[in-house]
Amino acid sequence: YIKKKLILASKIGIGSALAIFLAHLFGLENPMGAGTITLLTLLTTKKGTFKLTLQRLATFVVTVILCMLIYPALPSDFVAFGIVIFLLVLVTEFSNTQATLSVNALIAMHFFTSTTYALPFVLNELYLLLLGIVIAIVLNLFNDYRATTVDLVSKVRETDTKMLELLAQVVEYMESQKTNTTLWKELKQTEAELYTYLSESIEFQDNTFSDHPQYFIDYFNMRIRQFHVIHNLHYEIRRIRTMPVQSKIIIEFLQVCCMKVYEHDIPETQSHILDQIFEVMKTEPMPVTRAEFESRALLYHILMDLEDVLKAKEEFIANLDPEALAMYRSDHTKHVIPVEEAASKAVL
């Protein structure tokens, strides 16, 4: 994390300084503007930089036209500047190009202070824009892809282990029905971590020109979907006042799920077992008491939640391309801890 921030800060510092130096070297007016444009452009991802470049060029034309039409027409410079900014905000909001507003405001300020609308000055502003953009594009090509990949793979392993531990704690609660005061806190922390990992995966993909990192995004989306089910599962289990006899089979099935967290194949066996459990539940005698009826209904709902957990993984693996699937099955299983060790750690 620190290395990533240092690389970004270095690129912005070096890029801004280089842009100002080249603007001075080429004899451009307002050379500090080139450094500011480089700074603002480097804050985006590689794909975002190219998209932002096209938007900057298009809105640059709009900014020049507004300045040339409004500044000379109004006696008050301050009112004219306010109107130009007002219109620029409207244009960028309606065209969904808000990221270009800061640079357009800078260009409008240059027109405001120079009070000239000759072609050489317009070209000067265009050259500043192009200089800042080009330097940002070149520097955005440099990213530590290997370190990012290693980091994301490590977070995949951590997530596997965490999901196993959470499932093991749910199993332990069903067996003992002892209140776990730390589980809610762990669930909240895990949710925050998963969304952070997903955000990092999206940023990684936007900094490459390959769709291969998409499987990191798909993986964390899958785990987020499973996490929400497990969170709801724990809540439903806590609502069961007395565990019916049928809960034992669900406990055993959850233990099977725990032992299969690291498995990188479609969970066909688990799905088949779950289907059999549904069939067995249908043949069970009707509940006698209201409490038994409510508990049995919650158990059935828990089974449906578990079915959704399996479907999430099935859909994830089914949608992986062959290259991503091979990487998922090999690289992610080289360094995982033994399942028995993780399960015992979770119970402890």
Protein backbone atom coordinates (compact mmCIF):
# COMPACT_ATOMS: atom_id res chain seq x y z
CA TYR A 1 0.00 0.00 0.00
CA ILE A 2 2.78 2.43 0.93
CA LYS A 3 4.75 1.50 -2.20
CA LYS A 4 1.70 2.20 -4.35
CA LYS A 5 1.22 5.65 -2.81
CA LEU A 6 4.92 6.47 -3.17
CA ILE A 7 4.84 5.54 -6.87
CA LEU A 8 1.79 7.76 -7.44
CA ALA A 9 3.34 10.68 -5.56
CA SER A 10 6.61 10.27 -7.50
CA LYS A 11 4.81 10.23 -10.85
CA ILE A 12 2.82 13.34 -9.98
CA GLY A 13 5.87 15.21 -8.66
CA ILE A 14 8.16 14.28 -11.55
CA GLY A 15 5.43 14.74 -14.16
CA SER A 16 4.34 18.15 -12.93
CA ALA A 17 7.92 19.41 -12.72
CA LEU A 18 8.72 18.05 -16.17
CA ALA A 19 5.61 19.66 -17.68
CA ILE A 20 6.52 23.08 -16.24
CA PHE A 21 10.14 22.71 -17.41
CA LEU A 22 9.10 21.84 -20.97
CA ALA A 23 6.54 24.66 -21.04
CA HIS A 24 9.33 27.09 -20.08
CA LEU A 25 11.62 25.48 -22.66
CA PHE A 26 9.03 25.92 -25.43
CA GLY A 27 8.36 29.52 -24.36
CA LEU A 28 4.71 28.98 -23.49
CA GLU A 29 2.76 31.47 -21.39
CA ASN A 30 1.35 30.33 -18.03
CA PRO A 31 3.75 27.35 -17.80
CA MET A 32 2.49 26.40 -14.33
CA GLY A 33 -0.77 25.42 -16.00
CA ALA A 34 0.94 22.49 -17.73
CA GLY A 35 2.08 21.14 -14.37
CA THR A 36 -1.43 21.45 -12.94
CA ILE A 37 -2.94 19.64 -15.94
CA THR A 38 -0.41 16.81 -15.54
CA LEU A 39 -1.21 16.52 -11.84
CA LEU A 40 -4.96 16.33 -12.37
CA THR A 41 -4.64 13.82 -15.20
CA LEU A 42 -2.26 11.50 -13.32
CA LEU A 43 -4.84 11.03 -10.56
CA THR A 44 -6.83 8.78 -12.92
CA THR A 45 -6.13 5.20 -14.04
CA LYS A 46 -4.53 4.36 -17.38
CA LYS A 47 -7.87 3.72 -19.09
CA GLY A 48 -9.33 6.74 -17.34
CA THR A 49 -6.50 8.89 -18.67
CA PHE A 50 -7.32 8.11 -22.31
CA LYS A 51 -11.02 8.69 -21.73
CA LEU A 52 -10.31 11.92 -19.89
CA THR A 53 -8.01 13.10 -22.70
CA LEU A 54 -10.83 13.00 -25.25
CA GLN A 55 -13.16 14.75 -22.82
CA ARG A 56 -10.59 17.47 -22.09
CA LEU A 57 -10.09 18.19 -25.79
CA ALA A 58 -13.83 18.39 -26.44
CA THR A 59 -14.58 20.63 -23.46
CA PHE A 60 -11.52 22.77 -24.24
CA VAL A 61 -13.26 23.89 -27.43
CA VAL A 62 -16.40 24.72 -25.45
CA THR A 63 -14.38 26.70 -22.88
CA VAL A 64 -12.62 28.77 -25.55
CA ILE A 65 -15.92 29.57 -27.27
CA LEU A 66 -17.58 30.62 -24.01
CA CYS A 67 -14.64 32.86 -23.06
CA MET A 68 -14.51 34.53 -26.46
CA LEU A 69 -18.26 35.18 -26.48
CA ILE A 70 -18.90 36.25 -22.89
CA TYR A 71 -15.78 38.11 -21.70
CA PRO A 72 -15.89 40.88 -24.34
CA ALA A 73 -19.68 41.25 -24.09
CA LEU A 74 -19.88 42.12 -20.38
CA PRO A 75 -18.44 45.25 -18.74
CA SER A 76 -17.71 43.54 -15.42
CA ASP A 77 -14.87 41.02 -15.62
CA PHE A 78 -15.87 39.29 -12.41
CA VAL A 79 -19.47 38.81 -13.54
CA ALA A 80 -18.26 37.49 -16.88
CA PHE A 81 -15.94 35.00 -15.17
CA GLY A 82 -18.77 33.83 -12.89
CA ILE A 83 -21.08 33.29 -15.86
CA VAL A 84 -18.42 31.32 -17.75
CA ILE A 85 -17.86 29.05 -14.75
CA PHE A 86 -21.63 28.68 -14.27
CA LEU A 87 -22.06 27.56 -17.89
CA LEU A 88 -19.03 25.25 -17.72
CA VAL A 89 -20.50 23.51 -14.68
CA LEU A 90 -23.78 22.99 -16.53
CA VAL A 91 -22.01 21.67 -19.63
CA THR A 92 -19.86 19.22 -17.68
CA GLU A 93 -22.77 18.05 -15.52
CA PHE A 94 -25.09 17.38 -18.45
CA SER A 95 -22.32 15.74 -20.52
CA ASN A 96 -21.02 13.72 -17.54
CA THR A 97 -17.54 15.20 -17.92
CA GLN A 98 -17.16 16.66 -14.42
CA ALA A 99 -13.53 15.51 -14.25
CA THR A 100 -12.61 18.15 -16.86
CA LEU A 101 -14.05 21.09 -14.91
CA SER A 102 -10.89 21.95 -12.94
CA VAL A 103 -8.72 22.24 -16.07
CA ASN A 104 -11.42 24.19 -17.94
CA ALA A 105 -11.68 26.60 -15.02
CA LEU A 106 -7.89 27.06 -15.17
CA ILE A 107 -8.06 27.88 -18.87
CA ALA A 108 -10.94 30.29 -18.27
CA MET A 109 -8.80 31.98 -15.61
CA HIS A 110 -5.96 32.39 -18.11
CA PHE A 111 -8.33 34.11 -20.53
CA PHE A 112 -9.62 36.25 -17.65
CA THR A 113 -6.15 37.48 -16.67
CA SER A 114 -4.78 37.92 -20.22
CA THR A 115 -7.86 39.64 -21.77
CA THR A 116 -6.69 38.51 -25.21
CA TYR A 117 -8.47 36.17 -27.60
CA ALA A 118 -5.96 36.08 -30.46
CA LEU A 119 -5.18 32.77 -32.15
CA PRO A 120 -1.62 32.55 -30.71
CA PHE A 121 -2.98 32.69 -27.17
CA VAL A 122 -5.63 30.05 -27.93
CA LEU A 123 -2.91 27.82 -29.37
CA ASN A 124 -0.77 28.49 -26.29
CA GLU A 125 -3.55 27.13 -24.06
CA LEU A 126 -3.98 24.14 -26.37
CA TYR A 127 -0.25 23.38 -26.21
CA LEU A 128 -0.34 23.56 -22.40
CA LEU A 129 -3.23 21.10 -22.39
CA LEU A 130 -1.55 18.69 -24.81
CA LEU A 131 1.78 18.89 -22.98
CA GLY A 132 0.21 18.06 -19.62
CA ILE A 133 -1.85 15.24 -21.09
CA VAL A 134 1.02 13.61 -23.01
CA ILE A 135 3.33 13.57 -19.98
CA ALA A 136 0.51 12.08 -17.86
CA ILE A 137 -0.18 9.36 -20.46
CA VAL A 138 3.51 8.41 -20.66
CA LEU A 139 3.94 8.24 -16.87
CA ASN A 140 0.69 6.29 -16.43
CA LEU A 141 2.23 3.52 -18.54
CA PHE A 142 4.54 2.74 -15.64
CA ASN A 143 2.81 0.60 -13.02
CA ASP A 144 4.01 -2.16 -10.73
CA TYR A 145 1.74 -4.82 -12.21
CA ARG A 146 3.65 -7.77 -10.74
CA ALA A 147 3.44 -6.48 -7.18
CA THR A 148 -0.26 -5.68 -7.62
CA THR A 149 -0.96 -9.19 -8.94
CA VAL A 150 0.91 -10.79 -6.04
CA ASP A 151 -0.99 -8.58 -3.59
CA LEU A 152 -4.39 -9.49 -5.06
CA VAL A 153 -3.55 -13.22 -5.09
CA SER A 154 -2.57 -12.91 -1.43
CA LYS A 155 -5.90 -11.25 -0.67
CA VAL A 156 -7.72 -14.06 -2.46
CA ARG A 157 -6.02 -16.55 -0.13
CA GLU A 158 -6.85 -14.41 2.91
CA THR A 159 -10.48 -14.25 1.80
CA ASP A 160 -10.62 -18.04 1.36
CA THR A 161 -9.34 -18.50 4.89
CA LYS A 162 -11.69 -15.89 6.32
CA MET A 163 -14.75 -17.44 4.66
CA LEU A 164 -13.74 -20.83 6.08
CA GLU A 165 -13.40 -19.36 9.58
CA LEU A 166 -16.79 -17.64 9.36
CA LEU A 167 -18.49 -20.86 8.23
CA ALA A 168 -16.76 -22.77 11.03
CA GLN A 169 -18.05 -20.27 13.60
CA VAL A 170 -21.58 -20.63 12.25
CA VAL A 171 -21.27 -24.41 12.57
CA GLU A 172 -19.96 -24.06 16.11
CA TYR A 173 -22.90 -21.83 17.04
CA MET A 174 -25.43 -24.32 15.63
CA GLU A 175 -23.83 -27.10 17.67
CA SER A 176 -23.46 -25.25 20.97
CA GLN A 177 -25.87 -22.28 20.59
CA LYS A 178 -23.43 -20.23 22.65
CA THR A 179 -23.53 -16.55 21.80
CA ASN A 180 -20.47 -15.43 19.84
CA THR A 181 -19.97 -11.76 20.70
CA THR A 182 -17.10 -11.27 18.23
CA LEU A 183 -18.75 -12.72 15.12
CA TRP A 184 -20.81 -9.61 14.29
CA LYS A 185 -17.67 -7.48 14.51
CA GLU A 186 -15.79 -9.92 12.28
CA LEU A 187 -18.63 -9.92 9.76
CA LYS A 188 -18.59 -6.12 9.56
CA GLN A 189 -14.81 -6.04 9.19
CA THR A 190 -14.86 -8.74 6.52
CA GLU A 191 -17.48 -6.85 4.51
CA ALA A 192 -15.35 -3.68 4.54
CA GLU A 193 -12.27 -5.66 3.47
CA LEU A 194 -14.10 -7.38 0.60
CA TYR A 195 -15.33 -4.09 -0.84
CA THR A 196 -11.80 -2.65 -0.53
CA TYR A 197 -10.36 -5.66 -2.38
CA LEU A 198 -13.03 -5.30 -5.08
CA SER A 199 -12.16 -1.61 -5.52
CA GLU A 200 -8.47 -2.47 -5.84
CA SER A 201 -9.29 -5.14 -8.44
CA ILE A 202 -11.28 -2.66 -10.53
CA GLU A 203 -8.45 -0.13 -10.31
CA PHE A 204 -5.95 -2.84 -11.36
CA GLN A 205 -8.02 -3.70 -14.41
CA ASP A 206 -8.36 -0.02 -15.36
CA ASN A 207 -4.57 0.31 -15.21
CA THR A 208 -4.08 -2.48 -17.75
CA PHE A 209 -5.26 -3.02 -21.30
CA SER A 210 -6.16 -6.63 -20.68
CA ASP A 211 -9.40 -8.24 -19.52
CA HIS A 212 -7.44 -10.96 -17.68
CA PRO A 213 -7.64 -9.17 -14.27
CA GLN A 214 -11.43 -9.38 -14.60
CA TYR A 215 -11.38 -12.65 -12.70
CA PHE A 216 -10.17 -10.84 -9.57
CA ILE A 217 -13.26 -8.65 -9.84
CA ASP A 218 -15.49 -11.67 -10.42
CA TYR A 219 -13.89 -13.53 -7.51
CA PHE A 220 -14.45 -10.78 -4.95
CA ASN A 221 -17.99 -10.18 -6.26
CA MET A 222 -18.63 -13.89 -5.73
CA ARG A 223 -17.24 -13.78 -2.19
CA ILE A 224 -19.27 -10.64 -1.40
CA ARG A 225 -22.42 -12.43 -2.54
CA GLN A 226 -21.53 -15.45 -0.37
CA PHE A 227 -20.65 -13.23 2.56
CA HIS A 228 -24.06 -11.57 2.52
CA VAL A 229 -25.68 -14.99 2.57
CA ILE A 230 -23.50 -16.14 5.50
CA HIS A 231 -24.30 -12.91 7.35
CA ASN A 232 -28.00 -13.54 6.85
CA LEU A 233 -27.48 -17.21 7.75
CA HIS A 234 -26.07 -16.34 11.14
CA TYR A 235 -28.95 -13.96 11.79
CA GLU A 236 -31.53 -16.62 10.93
CA ILE A 237 -29.82 -19.26 13.08
CA ARG A 238 -29.94 -16.92 16.07
CA ARG A 239 -33.71 -16.67 15.61
CA ILE A 240 -34.11 -20.42 16.14
CA ARG A 241 -35.11 -20.90 19.78
CA THR A 242 -34.56 -24.63 19.92
CA MET A 243 -32.61 -26.58 17.32
CA PRO A 244 -34.82 -29.31 15.79
CA VAL A 245 -33.47 -32.77 14.99
CA GLN A 246 -33.18 -31.83 11.31
CA SER A 247 -30.51 -29.26 12.17
CA LYS A 248 -27.90 -32.03 12.53
CA ILE A 249 -27.94 -32.77 8.84
CA ILE A 250 -27.49 -29.08 8.06
CA ILE A 251 -24.58 -28.89 10.50
CA GLU A 252 -22.93 -31.81 8.73
CA PHE A 253 -23.52 -30.16 5.37
CA LEU A 254 -21.97 -26.89 6.62
CA GLN A 255 -18.94 -28.87 7.76
CA VAL A 256 -18.64 -30.25 4.24
CA CYS A 257 -18.80 -26.69 2.91
CA CYS A 258 -16.02 -25.70 5.32
CA MET A 259 -13.81 -28.47 4.02
CA LYS A 260 -14.46 -27.39 0.42
CA VAL A 261 -13.69 -23.68 0.72
CA TYR A 262 -10.32 -24.12 -1.02
CA GLU A 263 -11.68 -26.41 -3.71
CA HIS A 264 -11.39 -24.76 -7.12
CA ASP A 265 -13.90 -26.87 -9.01
CA ILE A 266 -17.61 -26.43 -9.56
CA PRO A 267 -19.30 -27.67 -6.31
CA GLU A 268 -21.38 -30.33 -8.04
CA THR A 269 -21.11 -32.81 -5.15
CA GLN A 270 -22.31 -30.26 -2.60
CA SER A 271 -25.21 -29.26 -4.85
CA HIS A 272 -26.21 -32.91 -5.26
CA ILE A 273 -26.10 -33.47 -1.49
CA LEU A 274 -28.15 -30.33 -0.93
CA ASP A 275 -30.78 -31.55 -3.37
CA GLN A 276 -30.99 -34.80 -1.43
CA ILE A 277 -31.41 -32.88 1.83
CA PHE A 278 -34.32 -30.96 0.31
CA GLU A 279 -35.94 -34.24 -0.66
CA VAL A 280 -35.45 -35.66 2.84
CA MET A 281 -36.94 -32.53 4.40
CA LYS A 282 -40.06 -32.99 2.29
CA THR A 283 -40.59 -36.51 3.66
CA GLU A 284 -40.18 -35.49 7.31
CA PRO A 285 -43.29 -35.64 9.55
CA MET A 286 -45.17 -32.38 9.94
CA PRO A 287 -44.18 -30.29 13.00
CA VAL A 288 -46.48 -30.58 16.00
CA THR A 289 -45.89 -27.37 17.94
CA ARG A 290 -45.74 -23.79 16.72
CA ALA A 291 -42.12 -23.44 17.89
CA GLU A 292 -41.15 -26.56 15.96
CA PHE A 293 -42.94 -25.24 12.87
CA GLU A 294 -41.09 -21.89 13.05
CA SER A 295 -37.73 -23.59 13.60
CA ARG A 296 -38.32 -25.99 10.70
CA ALA A 297 -39.30 -23.08 8.42
CA LEU A 298 -36.10 -21.22 9.33
CA LEU A 299 -34.05 -24.35 8.65
CA TYR A 300 -35.62 -24.66 5.21
CA HIS A 301 -34.80 -21.02 4.52
CA ILE A 302 -31.21 -21.67 5.66
CA LEU A 303 -30.98 -24.48 3.12
CA MET A 304 -32.10 -22.08 0.40
CA ASP A 305 -29.40 -19.63 1.51
CA LEU A 306 -26.79 -22.39 1.29
CA GLU A 307 -28.01 -23.17 -2.20
CA ASP A 308 -27.32 -19.54 -3.14
CA VAL A 309 -23.79 -19.84 -1.71
CA LEU A 310 -23.11 -22.79 -4.01
CA LYS A 311 -24.69 -21.10 -7.03
CA ALA A 312 -22.48 -18.05 -6.55
CA LYS A 313 -19.38 -20.22 -6.84
CA GLU A 314 -20.79 -22.25 -9.73
CA GLU A 315 -21.52 -19.11 -11.74
CA PHE A 316 -18.10 -17.64 -10.94
CA ILE A 317 -16.18 -20.71 -12.14
CA ALA A 318 -18.44 -21.23 -15.15
CA ASN A 319 -17.81 -17.66 -16.36
CA LEU A 320 -13.99 -17.85 -16.14
CA ASP A 321 -12.11 -18.06 -19.42
CA PRO A 322 -9.68 -21.01 -19.75
CA GLU A 323 -6.59 -18.90 -18.95
CA ALA A 324 -8.12 -17.35 -15.85
CA LEU A 325 -9.48 -20.73 -14.71
CA ALA A 326 -6.02 -22.31 -15.02
CA MET A 327 -4.47 -19.51 -13.00
CA TYR A 328 -7.23 -19.72 -10.40
CA ARG A 329 -6.70 -23.46 -9.92
CA SER A 330 -2.90 -23.37 -9.87
CA ASP A 331 -1.54 -20.12 -8.44
CA HIS A 332 -4.18 -19.84 -5.74
CA THR A 333 -3.63 -23.36 -4.43
CA LYS A 334 0.16 -23.30 -4.15
CA HIS A 335 0.33 -21.46 -0.88
CA VAL A 336 -3.00 -22.05 0.84
CA ILE A 337 -2.83 -23.45 4.36
CA PRO A 338 -4.18 -26.97 4.93
CA VAL A 339 -7.94 -27.01 5.36
CA GLU A 340 -7.76 -28.96 8.62
CA GLU A 341 -5.36 -26.37 10.07
CA ALA A 342 -7.63 -23.47 9.06
CA ALA A 343 -10.72 -25.20 10.43
CA SER A 344 -9.08 -25.90 13.78
CA LYS A 345 -7.85 -22.32 13.91
CA ALA A 346 -11.38 -21.06 13.29
CA VAL A 347 -12.85 -23.24 16.03
CA LEU A 348 -10.15 -22.22 18.49
